[in-house]
Amino acid sequence: MENYFDLFEIPIQLKVDPSTIRSRFFALSRQFHPDFFVNRSADEQQEALERTAQLNKAWKIFQQPDELIRYVLELHGAWTAGEKYELSPDFLMEVMEINESMMDMEAGKEGPLQQQVATLQEQMIGSVVDYLSETPFIPTPEKLSALKEYYYRKKYLDRILQGLS
């Protein structure tokens, strides 16, 4: 099967235009809907089912910015399921300090920690902001490495924010 970007006939990118994706999704849904293949061969019916499943998976990925980044990394061989990625010790120390502060925090006093996490997120986004808007995304080893680091750091910080909520 083709990748999700080819399916939607858009260049590989880290931020997709929601209106473009929506219109492409509905057009492709009509084109590949299994109901239109009931009088076709079993192979054509199976292909329509597979296309519809791929289309729905692509739609979900395009709706979730973090998953879109992970998908682009995977497309370029920079991410594999179940891999053990090691974040920098400096970042892990910051996360540990935040976690310790969370344990010591009194109820209703989440504001300063939320601000600290927001600041870390802003710094992270600053390191990849140019890549996020690049269309088409041109994968270099440096960009893929920076995106991978961003992806894993963001996952850590998102978990912390969930704990603060």
Protein backbone atom coordinates (compact mmCIF):
# COMPACT_ATOMS: atom_id res chain seq x y z
CA MET A 1 0.00 0.00 0.00
CA GLU A 2 1.08 3.55 -0.58
CA ASN A 3 1.87 5.90 2.27
CA TYR A 4 -0.83 8.17 3.66
CA PHE A 5 0.51 11.27 1.94
CA ASP A 6 0.46 9.59 -1.46
CA LEU A 7 -3.04 8.30 -0.77
CA PHE A 8 -4.23 11.85 -0.04
CA GLU A 9 -2.11 13.24 -2.89
CA ILE A 10 -0.28 15.74 -0.70
CA PRO A 11 3.44 16.20 -0.08
CA ILE A 12 4.98 14.76 3.07
CA GLN A 13 4.62 17.38 5.79
CA LEU A 14 4.46 17.66 9.56
CA LYS A 15 1.41 19.94 9.65
CA VAL A 16 -1.48 19.28 7.32
CA ASP A 17 -4.16 21.72 6.30
CA PRO A 18 -7.37 20.47 7.96
CA SER A 19 -9.68 21.67 5.16
CA THR A 20 -7.56 19.98 2.47
CA ILE A 21 -7.44 16.75 4.44
CA ARG A 22 -11.17 16.85 5.12
CA SER A 23 -12.11 17.37 1.46
CA ARG A 24 -9.64 14.69 0.28
CA PHE A 25 -10.94 12.27 2.93
CA PHE A 26 -14.56 12.66 1.85
CA ALA A 27 -13.71 12.40 -1.85
CA LEU A 28 -11.63 9.27 -1.30
CA SER A 29 -14.28 7.80 1.01
CA ARG A 30 -16.81 8.08 -1.79
CA GLN A 31 -14.37 6.67 -4.32
CA PHE A 32 -13.41 3.59 -2.28
CA HIS A 33 -16.59 2.94 -0.31
CA PRO A 34 -17.20 -0.83 -0.29
CA ASP A 35 -20.89 -0.36 -1.18
CA PHE A 36 -19.83 0.77 -4.65
CA PHE A 37 -17.96 -2.50 -5.20
CA VAL A 38 -20.69 -5.07 -4.42
CA ASN A 39 -21.05 -6.07 -8.09
CA ARG A 40 -17.29 -6.22 -8.67
CA SER A 41 -14.89 -9.13 -8.37
CA ALA A 42 -13.85 -10.46 -4.96
CA ASP A 43 -10.37 -8.99 -5.50
CA GLU A 44 -11.79 -5.54 -6.23
CA GLN A 45 -14.06 -5.78 -3.17
CA GLN A 46 -11.09 -6.75 -1.00
CA GLU A 47 -9.03 -3.88 -2.39
CA ALA A 48 -11.85 -1.43 -1.64
CA LEU A 49 -11.98 -2.71 1.97
CA GLU A 50 -8.21 -2.37 2.33
CA ARG A 51 -8.25 1.13 0.85
CA THR A 52 -11.06 2.17 3.17
CA ALA A 53 -9.16 0.82 6.19
CA GLN A 54 -5.99 2.63 5.08
CA LEU A 55 -7.98 5.81 4.49
CA ASN A 56 -9.45 5.69 8.00
CA LYS A 57 -6.02 5.09 9.56
CA ALA A 58 -4.57 8.00 7.60
CA TRP A 59 -7.45 10.24 8.70
CA LYS A 60 -6.73 9.43 12.36
CA ILE A 61 -3.00 10.09 11.96
CA PHE A 62 -3.62 13.42 10.21
CA GLN A 63 -5.87 14.52 13.10
CA GLN A 64 -3.16 13.99 15.75
CA PRO A 65 -0.04 16.17 15.34
CA ASP A 66 2.18 13.97 17.52
CA GLU A 67 1.14 10.82 15.69
CA LEU A 68 1.75 12.56 12.38
CA ILE A 69 5.33 13.32 13.45
CA ARG A 70 5.78 9.70 14.54
CA TYR A 71 4.41 8.51 11.18
CA VAL A 72 6.79 10.75 9.21
CA LEU A 73 9.69 9.46 11.32
CA GLU A 74 8.56 5.91 10.63
CA LEU A 75 8.29 6.60 6.88
CA HIS A 76 11.92 7.68 6.85
CA GLY A 77 13.17 4.79 8.96
CA ALA A 78 13.88 6.97 12.00
CA TRP A 79 11.34 5.30 14.31
CA THR A 80 10.38 1.70 14.99
CA ALA A 81 7.71 0.32 17.27
CA GLY A 82 8.97 -0.73 20.68
CA GLU A 83 12.37 0.92 20.37
CA LYS A 84 14.10 2.13 23.51
CA TYR A 85 15.03 5.74 22.88
CA GLU A 86 17.35 7.41 25.36
CA LEU A 87 16.71 11.06 26.08
CA SER A 88 19.49 13.36 27.17
CA PRO A 89 20.45 13.20 30.86
CA ASP A 90 19.88 16.96 31.22
CA PHE A 91 16.29 16.66 30.07
CA LEU A 92 15.69 13.64 32.29
CA MET A 93 17.03 15.59 35.29
CA GLU A 94 14.59 18.42 34.56
CA VAL A 95 11.74 15.92 34.33
CA MET A 96 12.82 14.28 37.59
CA GLU A 97 12.84 17.67 39.33
CA ILE A 98 9.35 18.41 38.03
CA ASN A 99 8.12 15.00 39.19
CA GLU A 100 9.61 15.57 42.66
CA SER A 101 7.96 18.97 42.81
CA MET A 102 4.65 17.35 41.87
CA MET A 103 4.95 14.95 44.79
CA ASP A 104 5.61 17.82 47.20
CA MET A 105 2.96 20.09 45.72
CA GLU A 106 -0.13 21.06 47.63
CA ALA A 107 -3.50 20.64 45.97
CA GLY A 108 -4.49 23.65 43.86
CA LYS A 109 -0.87 24.86 43.47
CA GLU A 110 -0.23 23.42 39.99
CA GLY A 111 0.27 26.80 38.27
CA PRO A 112 4.05 27.20 38.64
CA LEU A 113 4.72 23.63 37.53
CA GLN A 114 2.40 23.97 34.57
CA GLN A 115 4.28 27.11 33.60
CA GLN A 116 7.62 25.30 33.93
CA VAL A 117 6.38 22.50 31.65
CA ALA A 118 4.96 25.05 29.18
CA THR A 119 8.35 26.77 29.06
CA LEU A 120 10.08 23.47 28.33
CA GLN A 121 7.58 22.77 25.57
CA GLU A 122 8.14 26.20 24.02
CA GLN A 123 11.89 25.59 24.01
CA MET A 124 11.36 22.22 22.35
CA ILE A 125 9.05 23.60 19.69
CA GLY A 126 11.59 26.32 18.98
CA SER A 127 14.10 23.64 18.04
CA VAL A 128 11.84 22.14 15.34
CA VAL A 129 9.51 25.00 14.36
CA ASP A 130 11.11 25.43 10.93
CA TYR A 131 10.61 21.76 10.13
CA LEU A 132 7.00 21.81 11.25
CA SER A 133 6.01 24.29 8.56
CA GLU A 134 8.24 22.92 5.78
CA THR A 135 6.23 21.63 2.82
CA PRO A 136 7.34 19.28 1.50
CA PHE A 137 9.31 18.05 4.46
CA ILE A 138 12.87 17.36 3.36
CA PRO A 139 14.28 14.69 5.65
CA THR A 140 17.92 15.07 6.55
CA PRO A 141 19.56 13.02 9.30
CA GLU A 142 19.77 16.17 11.45
CA LYS A 143 16.09 17.01 11.02
CA LEU A 144 14.98 13.44 11.69
CA SER A 145 17.14 13.31 14.81
CA ALA A 146 15.75 16.63 16.09
CA LEU A 147 12.17 15.51 15.39
CA LYS A 148 12.70 12.22 17.17
CA GLU A 149 14.10 13.97 20.22
CA TYR A 150 11.16 16.40 20.13
CA TYR A 151 8.65 13.55 19.82
CA TYR A 152 9.97 11.65 22.83
CA ARG A 153 10.43 14.76 24.99
CA LYS A 154 6.90 15.89 24.18
CA LYS A 155 5.52 12.52 25.25
CA TYR A 156 7.24 12.92 28.65
CA LEU A 157 5.94 16.44 29.11
CA ASP A 158 2.41 15.52 28.03
CA ARG A 159 2.34 12.82 30.72
CA ILE A 160 3.43 15.36 33.31
CA LEU A 161 0.70 17.77 32.22
CA GLN A 162 -1.87 14.99 32.49
CA GLY A 163 -0.68 14.37 36.04
CA LEU A 164 -1.12 18.05 36.83
CA SER A 165 -4.68 18.14 35.50
